[in-house]
Amino acid sequence: MNVEEILDYTSFTIDREPHIIVDQTVCAACTDRACTTACPAGCYNWSRSDERLSFVYDACLECGTCYIVCENKAFIRWRYPRGGFGVSYRMT
């Protein structure tokens, strides 16, 4: 099963409070930006014109890949969503 197929079996309960917050200053100095290519849900996007990283947390699969690949420790906060929020996998 690939990521696209998994997304067909997922649902999200979106919290108004983001569970991941990145330090934009650290991200602006990053040359690798591994999060933009490693995130299987494509939640990270680097804007060259704004020189800013955007993160869309409402599609996050909560896998932790971004946290692992970030060499600069740019995360101010990385935690799982509060109880009752986030991704729900339905594999049946």
N, C-alpha and C. Protein backbone atom coordinates (compact mmCIF):
# COMPACT_ATOMS: atom_id res chain seq x y z
N MET A 1 0.85 -1.17 0.00
CA MET A 1 0.00 0.00 0.00
C MET A 1 0.90 1.23 0.00
N ASN A 2 0.62 2.19 -0.88
CA ASN A 2 1.42 3.42 -0.93
C ASN A 2 0.70 4.55 -0.18
N VAL A 3 1.37 5.69 -0.08
CA VAL A 3 0.83 6.81 0.70
C VAL A 3 -0.51 7.29 0.15
N GLU A 4 -0.63 7.36 -1.16
CA GLU A 4 -1.89 7.82 -1.75
C GLU A 4 -3.05 6.90 -1.36
N GLU A 5 -2.80 5.59 -1.33
CA GLU A 5 -3.85 4.66 -0.94
C GLU A 5 -4.18 4.79 0.55
N ILE A 6 -3.17 5.03 1.36
CA ILE A 6 -3.40 5.22 2.79
C ILE A 6 -4.27 6.45 3.02
N LEU A 7 -4.01 7.51 2.26
CA LEU A 7 -4.79 8.73 2.42
C LEU A 7 -6.27 8.52 2.10
N ASP A 8 -6.57 7.56 1.25
CA ASP A 8 -7.96 7.23 0.95
C ASP A 8 -8.68 6.65 2.17
N TYR A 9 -7.92 6.10 3.09
CA TYR A 9 -8.49 5.46 4.27
C TYR A 9 -8.29 6.27 5.55
N THR A 10 -8.01 7.53 5.42
CA THR A 10 -7.79 8.36 6.60
C THR A 10 -8.84 9.45 6.71
N SER A 11 -9.03 9.90 7.92
CA SER A 11 -9.87 11.06 8.15
C SER A 11 -9.16 11.93 9.18
N PHE A 12 -9.50 13.20 9.19
CA PHE A 12 -8.83 14.15 10.07
C PHE A 12 -9.88 14.91 10.87
N THR A 13 -9.61 15.06 12.15
CA THR A 13 -10.39 15.93 13.01
C THR A 13 -9.46 17.10 13.34
N ILE A 14 -9.72 18.22 12.74
CA ILE A 14 -8.80 19.36 12.80
C ILE A 14 -8.98 20.14 14.10
N ASP A 15 -7.86 20.37 14.78
CA ASP A 15 -7.83 21.19 15.98
C ASP A 15 -7.49 22.61 15.58
N ARG A 16 -8.03 23.58 16.25
CA ARG A 16 -7.71 24.97 15.94
C ARG A 16 -6.29 25.32 16.39
N GLU A 17 -5.73 24.54 17.30
CA GLU A 17 -4.38 24.76 17.81
C GLU A 17 -3.40 23.83 17.08
N PRO A 18 -2.40 24.38 16.38
CA PRO A 18 -1.45 23.52 15.66
C PRO A 18 -0.61 22.69 16.63
N HIS A 19 -0.36 21.46 16.26
CA HIS A 19 0.45 20.58 17.11
C HIS A 19 1.93 20.65 16.75
N ILE A 20 2.24 21.30 15.64
CA ILE A 20 3.63 21.50 15.22
C ILE A 20 3.83 22.98 14.93
N ILE A 21 4.88 23.53 15.52
CA ILE A 21 5.24 24.93 15.27
C ILE A 21 6.74 24.96 14.96
N VAL A 22 7.09 25.62 13.86
CA VAL A 22 8.49 25.71 13.48
C VAL A 22 9.02 27.13 13.70
N ASP A 23 10.31 27.22 13.95
CA ASP A 23 10.98 28.51 14.13
C ASP A 23 11.35 29.03 12.74
N GLN A 24 10.65 30.04 12.27
CA GLN A 24 10.85 30.57 10.93
C GLN A 24 12.26 31.13 10.73
N THR A 25 12.88 31.63 11.78
CA THR A 25 14.24 32.15 11.68
C THR A 25 15.21 31.03 11.35
N VAL A 26 15.07 29.92 12.03
CA VAL A 26 15.93 28.76 11.78
C VAL A 26 15.67 28.21 10.38
N CYS A 27 14.41 28.14 9.98
CA CYS A 27 14.06 27.63 8.66
C CYS A 27 14.61 28.50 7.54
N ALA A 28 14.61 29.80 7.74
CA ALA A 28 15.11 30.72 6.71
C ALA A 28 16.60 30.52 6.47
N ALA A 29 17.33 30.09 7.48
CA ALA A 29 18.78 29.88 7.35
C ALA A 29 19.11 28.47 6.85
N CYS A 30 18.13 27.61 6.76
CA CYS A 30 18.36 26.22 6.34
C CYS A 30 18.65 26.16 4.84
N THR A 31 19.62 25.35 4.48
CA THR A 31 19.94 25.17 3.06
C THR A 31 19.40 23.86 2.51
N ASP A 32 19.15 22.90 3.37
CA ASP A 32 18.71 21.57 2.94
C ASP A 32 17.19 21.49 2.75
N ARG A 33 16.45 21.99 3.72
CA ARG A 33 14.97 21.95 3.72
C ARG A 33 14.43 20.55 3.45
N ALA A 34 14.98 19.58 4.16
CA ALA A 34 14.61 18.18 3.98
C ALA A 34 13.13 17.93 4.27
N CYS A 35 12.54 18.72 5.14
CA CYS A 35 11.13 18.52 5.48
C CYS A 35 10.23 18.68 4.25
N THR A 36 10.62 19.54 3.31
CA THR A 36 9.78 19.78 2.14
C THR A 36 9.73 18.59 1.19
N THR A 37 10.73 17.74 1.24
CA THR A 37 10.73 16.56 0.37
C THR A 37 10.45 15.27 1.13
N ALA A 38 10.70 15.26 2.43
CA ALA A 38 10.54 14.02 3.20
C ALA A 38 9.12 13.79 3.72
N CYS A 39 8.36 14.83 3.93
CA CYS A 39 7.01 14.69 4.48
C CYS A 39 6.13 13.92 3.49
N PRO A 40 5.63 12.75 3.88
CA PRO A 40 4.81 11.97 2.93
C PRO A 40 3.48 12.61 2.60
N ALA A 41 3.01 13.51 3.44
CA ALA A 41 1.73 14.18 3.18
C ALA A 41 1.92 15.52 2.46
N GLY A 42 3.15 15.94 2.27
CA GLY A 42 3.42 17.20 1.58
C GLY A 42 2.97 18.42 2.37
N CYS A 43 3.13 18.37 3.69
CA CYS A 43 2.65 19.45 4.54
C CYS A 43 3.56 20.68 4.55
N TYR A 44 4.81 20.53 4.11
CA TYR A 44 5.78 21.62 4.15
C TYR A 44 6.03 22.16 2.76
N ASN A 45 6.10 23.49 2.65
CA ASN A 45 6.36 24.13 1.38
C ASN A 45 7.25 25.36 1.61
N TRP A 46 8.33 25.44 0.84
CA TRP A 46 9.21 26.60 0.94
C TRP A 46 8.86 27.59 -0.15
N SER A 47 8.59 28.82 0.23
CA SER A 47 8.29 29.89 -0.72
C SER A 47 9.57 30.67 -0.97
N ARG A 48 10.09 30.58 -2.17
CA ARG A 48 11.31 31.32 -2.52
C ARG A 48 11.06 32.82 -2.51
N SER A 49 9.91 33.23 -2.97
CA SER A 49 9.63 34.67 -3.03
C SER A 49 9.51 35.29 -1.64
N ASP A 50 8.88 34.56 -0.71
CA ASP A 50 8.72 35.06 0.66
C ASP A 50 9.87 34.65 1.57
N GLU A 51 10.68 33.69 1.11
CA GLU A 51 11.73 33.09 1.93
C GLU A 51 11.16 32.64 3.27
N ARG A 52 10.12 31.84 3.16
CA ARG A 52 9.39 31.39 4.35
C ARG A 52 8.87 29.97 4.14
N LEU A 53 8.91 29.22 5.22
CA LEU A 53 8.38 27.86 5.21
C LEU A 53 6.94 27.89 5.67
N SER A 54 6.06 27.26 4.93
CA SER A 54 4.67 27.14 5.38
C SER A 54 4.41 25.69 5.75
N PHE A 55 3.57 25.50 6.73
CA PHE A 55 3.22 24.16 7.20
C PHE A 55 1.71 24.09 7.34
N VAL A 56 1.12 23.09 6.72
CA VAL A 56 -0.32 22.88 6.79
C VAL A 56 -0.55 21.67 7.70
N TYR A 57 -0.86 21.94 8.95
CA TYR A 57 -0.94 20.86 9.93
C TYR A 57 -2.21 20.02 9.81
N ASP A 58 -3.22 20.51 9.11
CA ASP A 58 -4.47 19.76 9.06
C ASP A 58 -4.40 18.52 8.18
N ALA A 59 -3.31 18.33 7.44
CA ALA A 59 -3.14 17.11 6.64
C ALA A 59 -2.02 16.23 7.18
N CYS A 60 -1.50 16.56 8.34
CA CYS A 60 -0.35 15.86 8.93
C CYS A 60 -0.71 14.41 9.27
N LEU A 61 0.16 13.48 8.87
CA LEU A 61 -0.03 12.06 9.16
C LEU A 61 0.56 11.66 10.51
N GLU A 62 1.21 12.60 11.20
CA GLU A 62 1.78 12.39 12.53
C GLU A 62 2.83 11.30 12.56
N CYS A 63 3.60 11.19 11.49
CA CYS A 63 4.61 10.13 11.38
C CYS A 63 5.94 10.50 12.02
N GLY A 64 6.22 11.80 12.16
CA GLY A 64 7.47 12.25 12.77
C GLY A 64 8.64 12.38 11.81
N THR A 65 8.42 12.14 10.54
CA THR A 65 9.50 12.23 9.56
C THR A 65 10.15 13.61 9.57
N CYS A 66 9.36 14.65 9.60
CA CYS A 66 9.90 16.02 9.58
C CYS A 66 10.81 16.26 10.78
N TYR A 67 10.42 15.77 11.91
CA TYR A 67 11.20 15.96 13.14
C TYR A 67 12.55 15.25 13.04
N ILE A 68 12.54 14.09 12.44
CA ILE A 68 13.77 13.30 12.31
C ILE A 68 14.72 13.91 11.30
N VAL A 69 14.22 14.37 10.16
CA VAL A 69 15.10 14.87 9.10
C VAL A 69 15.58 16.30 9.32
N CYS A 70 15.00 17.02 10.25
CA CYS A 70 15.40 18.41 10.49
C CYS A 70 16.75 18.44 11.22
N GLU A 71 17.79 18.79 10.47
CA GLU A 71 19.14 18.82 11.05
C GLU A 71 19.36 20.03 11.95
N ASN A 72 18.54 21.07 11.79
CA ASN A 72 18.74 22.31 12.53
C ASN A 72 17.87 22.44 13.78
N LYS A 73 17.08 21.43 14.06
CA LYS A 73 16.19 21.44 15.24
C LYS A 73 15.31 22.70 15.23
N ALA A 74 14.63 22.91 14.12
CA ALA A 74 13.82 24.12 13.93
C ALA A 74 12.46 24.06 14.61
N PHE A 75 12.15 22.95 15.24
CA PHE A 75 10.82 22.82 15.82
C PHE A 75 10.76 23.46 17.20
N ILE A 76 9.89 24.45 17.31
CA ILE A 76 9.60 25.04 18.62
C ILE A 76 8.75 24.04 19.41
N ARG A 77 7.84 23.39 18.68
CA ARG A 77 7.02 22.36 19.30
C ARG A 77 6.69 21.30 18.26
N TRP A 78 6.87 20.05 18.65
CA TRP A 78 6.41 18.92 17.85
C TRP A 78 5.81 17.95 18.85
N ARG A 79 4.52 17.78 18.75
CA ARG A 79 3.83 16.83 19.62
C ARG A 79 2.66 16.27 18.85
N TYR A 80 2.08 15.24 19.37
CA TYR A 80 0.88 14.71 18.74
C TYR A 80 -0.29 15.63 19.08
N PRO A 81 -1.32 15.67 18.25
CA PRO A 81 -2.47 16.52 18.54
C PRO A 81 -3.14 16.13 19.86
N ARG A 82 -3.87 17.08 20.40
CA ARG A 82 -4.63 16.80 21.63
C ARG A 82 -5.60 15.66 21.40
N GLY A 83 -6.00 15.02 22.47
CA GLY A 83 -6.94 13.90 22.39
C GLY A 83 -8.19 14.23 21.61
N GLY A 84 -8.55 13.33 20.70
CA GLY A 84 -9.74 13.53 19.89
C GLY A 84 -9.49 14.25 18.59
N PHE A 85 -8.26 14.77 18.40
CA PHE A 85 -7.92 15.50 17.18
C PHE A 85 -6.82 14.76 16.43
N GLY A 86 -6.65 15.15 15.17
CA GLY A 86 -5.58 14.59 14.36
C GLY A 86 -6.09 13.57 13.37
N VAL A 87 -5.18 12.72 12.94
CA VAL A 87 -5.48 11.75 11.89
C VAL A 87 -6.09 10.48 12.50
N SER A 88 -7.00 9.87 11.76
CA SER A 88 -7.58 8.57 12.12
C SER A 88 -7.42 7.67 10.91
N TYR A 89 -6.75 6.55 11.12
CA TYR A 89 -6.54 5.59 10.04
C TYR A 89 -7.64 4.55 10.09
N ARG A 90 -8.24 4.29 8.95
CA ARG A 90 -9.28 3.26 8.83
C ARG A 90 -8.82 2.27 7.78
N MET A 91 -8.21 1.20 8.18
CA MET A 91 -7.65 0.25 7.22
C MET A 91 -8.61 -0.86 6.88
N THR A 92 -9.87 -0.72 7.24
CA THR A 92 -10.84 -1.78 6.91
C THR A 92 -11.89 -1.25 5.97
